[in-house]
Amino acid sequence: MPQPDPVAVDSAPLLDRLTRDGTLSRPLRSTRPTASDAKRVSATRPVSDLVSEQRR
């Protein structure tokens, strides 16, 4: 089944309205934490075929 084409949506006004109405709240901290202690995952083989398949 074909997927519909993505449509760009400007969500800033919607998020502002939902925050103003109390439906959403601001995050407790304004910055995201850094993953300084996280180890990077290494692939044991090429993953391009898998990525291409997942994008279909």
N, C-alpha and C. Protein backbone atom coordinates (compact mmCIF):
# COMPACT_ATOMS: atom_id res chain seq x y z
N MET A 1 0.85 -1.18 0.00
CA MET A 1 0.00 0.00 0.00
C MET A 1 0.89 1.24 0.00
N PRO A 2 0.72 2.13 -0.94
CA PRO A 2 1.57 3.33 -1.00
C PRO A 2 1.28 4.27 0.17
N GLN A 3 2.33 4.91 0.63
CA GLN A 3 2.21 5.87 1.72
C GLN A 3 1.98 7.26 1.14
N PRO A 4 1.20 8.09 1.82
CA PRO A 4 1.01 9.46 1.33
C PRO A 4 2.30 10.25 1.46
N ASP A 5 2.47 11.22 0.59
CA ASP A 5 3.65 12.08 0.64
C ASP A 5 3.61 12.89 1.93
N PRO A 6 4.77 13.08 2.58
CA PRO A 6 4.79 13.89 3.80
C PRO A 6 4.45 15.34 3.48
N VAL A 7 3.77 15.96 4.42
CA VAL A 7 3.37 17.36 4.26
C VAL A 7 4.03 18.16 5.37
N ALA A 8 4.72 19.21 5.02
CA ALA A 8 5.35 20.06 6.02
C ALA A 8 4.28 20.83 6.78
N VAL A 9 4.41 20.85 8.09
CA VAL A 9 3.44 21.53 8.93
C VAL A 9 4.21 22.44 9.88
N ASP A 10 3.77 23.67 10.00
CA ASP A 10 4.37 24.59 10.96
C ASP A 10 3.67 24.35 12.29
N SER A 11 4.34 23.67 13.20
CA SER A 11 3.70 23.28 14.45
C SER A 11 3.91 24.30 15.57
N ALA A 12 4.72 25.32 15.36
CA ALA A 12 5.00 26.28 16.42
C ALA A 12 3.73 26.96 16.94
N PRO A 13 2.84 27.46 16.08
CA PRO A 13 1.62 28.08 16.62
C PRO A 13 0.76 27.09 17.41
N LEU A 14 0.68 25.86 16.95
CA LEU A 14 -0.10 24.85 17.67
C LEU A 14 0.52 24.57 19.03
N LEU A 15 1.84 24.40 19.08
CA LEU A 15 2.50 24.14 20.36
C LEU A 15 2.35 25.33 21.31
N ASP A 16 2.45 26.54 20.78
CA ASP A 16 2.25 27.73 21.61
C ASP A 16 0.84 27.76 22.19
N ARG A 17 -0.15 27.44 21.37
CA ARG A 17 -1.55 27.46 21.85
C ARG A 17 -1.78 26.39 22.90
N LEU A 18 -1.26 25.18 22.67
CA LEU A 18 -1.45 24.09 23.63
C LEU A 18 -0.73 24.39 24.95
N THR A 19 0.41 25.06 24.88
CA THR A 19 1.11 25.45 26.09
C THR A 19 0.32 26.52 26.83
N ARG A 20 -0.19 27.49 26.11
CA ARG A 20 -0.98 28.56 26.71
C ARG A 20 -2.25 28.02 27.36
N ASP A 21 -2.88 27.01 26.72
CA ASP A 21 -4.11 26.42 27.25
C ASP A 21 -3.85 25.46 28.41
N GLY A 22 -2.59 25.13 28.66
CA GLY A 22 -2.26 24.23 29.76
C GLY A 22 -2.27 22.76 29.37
N THR A 23 -2.48 22.46 28.09
CA THR A 23 -2.47 21.07 27.64
C THR A 23 -1.05 20.52 27.65
N LEU A 24 -0.10 21.35 27.27
CA LEU A 24 1.32 20.99 27.29
C LEU A 24 2.02 21.87 28.31
N SER A 25 3.15 21.41 28.80
CA SER A 25 3.94 22.24 29.70
C SER A 25 5.37 22.29 29.19
N ARG A 26 6.08 23.30 29.62
CA ARG A 26 7.48 23.46 29.24
C ARG A 26 8.30 22.38 29.94
N PRO A 27 9.41 21.95 29.33
CA PRO A 27 10.28 20.98 30.00
C PRO A 27 10.89 21.57 31.27
N LEU A 28 11.21 20.70 32.23
CA LEU A 28 11.79 21.17 33.48
C LEU A 28 13.16 21.79 33.28
N ARG A 29 13.92 21.27 32.33
CA ARG A 29 15.22 21.87 32.02
C ARG A 29 15.22 22.29 30.57
N SER A 30 15.93 23.36 30.30
CA SER A 30 15.89 23.91 28.95
C SER A 30 16.91 23.28 28.01
N THR A 31 17.90 22.58 28.54
CA THR A 31 18.91 21.97 27.69
C THR A 31 18.83 20.46 27.78
N ARG A 32 19.23 19.80 26.74
CA ARG A 32 19.24 18.34 26.73
C ARG A 32 20.54 17.84 27.35
N PRO A 33 20.48 16.71 28.04
CA PRO A 33 21.72 16.17 28.61
C PRO A 33 22.63 15.63 27.51
N THR A 34 23.91 15.66 27.76
CA THR A 34 24.85 15.10 26.79
C THR A 34 25.10 13.64 27.12
N ALA A 35 25.33 12.86 26.11
CA ALA A 35 25.59 11.43 26.29
C ALA A 35 27.09 11.21 26.36
N SER A 36 27.73 11.80 27.33
CA SER A 36 29.19 11.75 27.39
C SER A 36 29.72 10.38 27.77
N ASP A 37 28.97 9.61 28.55
CA ASP A 37 29.45 8.30 28.98
C ASP A 37 28.96 7.16 28.09
N ALA A 38 28.15 7.47 27.11
CA ALA A 38 27.59 6.42 26.26
C ALA A 38 28.61 5.97 25.23
N LYS A 39 28.68 4.66 25.02
CA LYS A 39 29.58 4.12 24.01
C LYS A 39 28.86 4.06 22.67
N ARG A 40 29.59 4.29 21.61
CA ARG A 40 29.01 4.20 20.27
C ARG A 40 28.90 2.76 19.85
N VAL A 41 27.86 2.46 19.12
CA VAL A 41 27.64 1.11 18.62
C VAL A 41 28.34 0.98 17.28
N SER A 42 29.05 -0.12 17.10
CA SER A 42 29.74 -0.37 15.84
C SER A 42 29.02 -1.47 15.07
N ALA A 43 28.82 -1.25 13.80
CA ALA A 43 28.19 -2.26 12.96
C ALA A 43 29.23 -3.28 12.55
N THR A 44 28.81 -4.54 12.50
CA THR A 44 29.74 -5.60 12.10
C THR A 44 29.71 -5.82 10.60
N ARG A 45 28.72 -5.24 9.93
CA ARG A 45 28.61 -5.35 8.48
C ARG A 45 27.87 -4.13 7.96
N PRO A 46 27.86 -3.89 6.66
CA PRO A 46 27.18 -2.71 6.11
C PRO A 46 25.68 -2.74 6.44
N VAL A 47 25.14 -1.58 6.74
CA VAL A 47 23.73 -1.49 7.10
C VAL A 47 22.90 -0.75 6.05
N SER A 48 23.51 -0.37 4.94
CA SER A 48 22.79 0.42 3.94
C SER A 48 21.58 -0.31 3.37
N ASP A 49 21.69 -1.64 3.16
CA ASP A 49 20.54 -2.39 2.64
C ASP A 49 19.40 -2.39 3.65
N LEU A 50 19.71 -2.53 4.92
CA LEU A 50 18.69 -2.52 5.96
C LEU A 50 18.00 -1.15 6.03
N VAL A 51 18.78 -0.09 5.96
CA VAL A 51 18.22 1.26 6.01
C VAL A 51 17.33 1.50 4.80
N SER A 52 17.78 1.09 3.63
CA SER A 52 16.98 1.26 2.41
C SER A 52 15.66 0.51 2.52
N GLU A 53 15.70 -0.69 3.06
CA GLU A 53 14.48 -1.49 3.21
C GLU A 53 13.52 -0.84 4.20
N GLN A 54 14.02 -0.28 5.29
CA GLN A 54 13.17 0.34 6.29
C GLN A 54 12.53 1.62 5.77
N ARG A 55 13.15 2.28 4.82
CA ARG A 55 12.60 3.53 4.28
C ARG A 55 11.49 3.30 3.28
N ARG A 56 11.28 2.07 2.85
CA ARG A 56 10.24 1.79 1.87
C ARG A 56 8.90 1.66 2.52
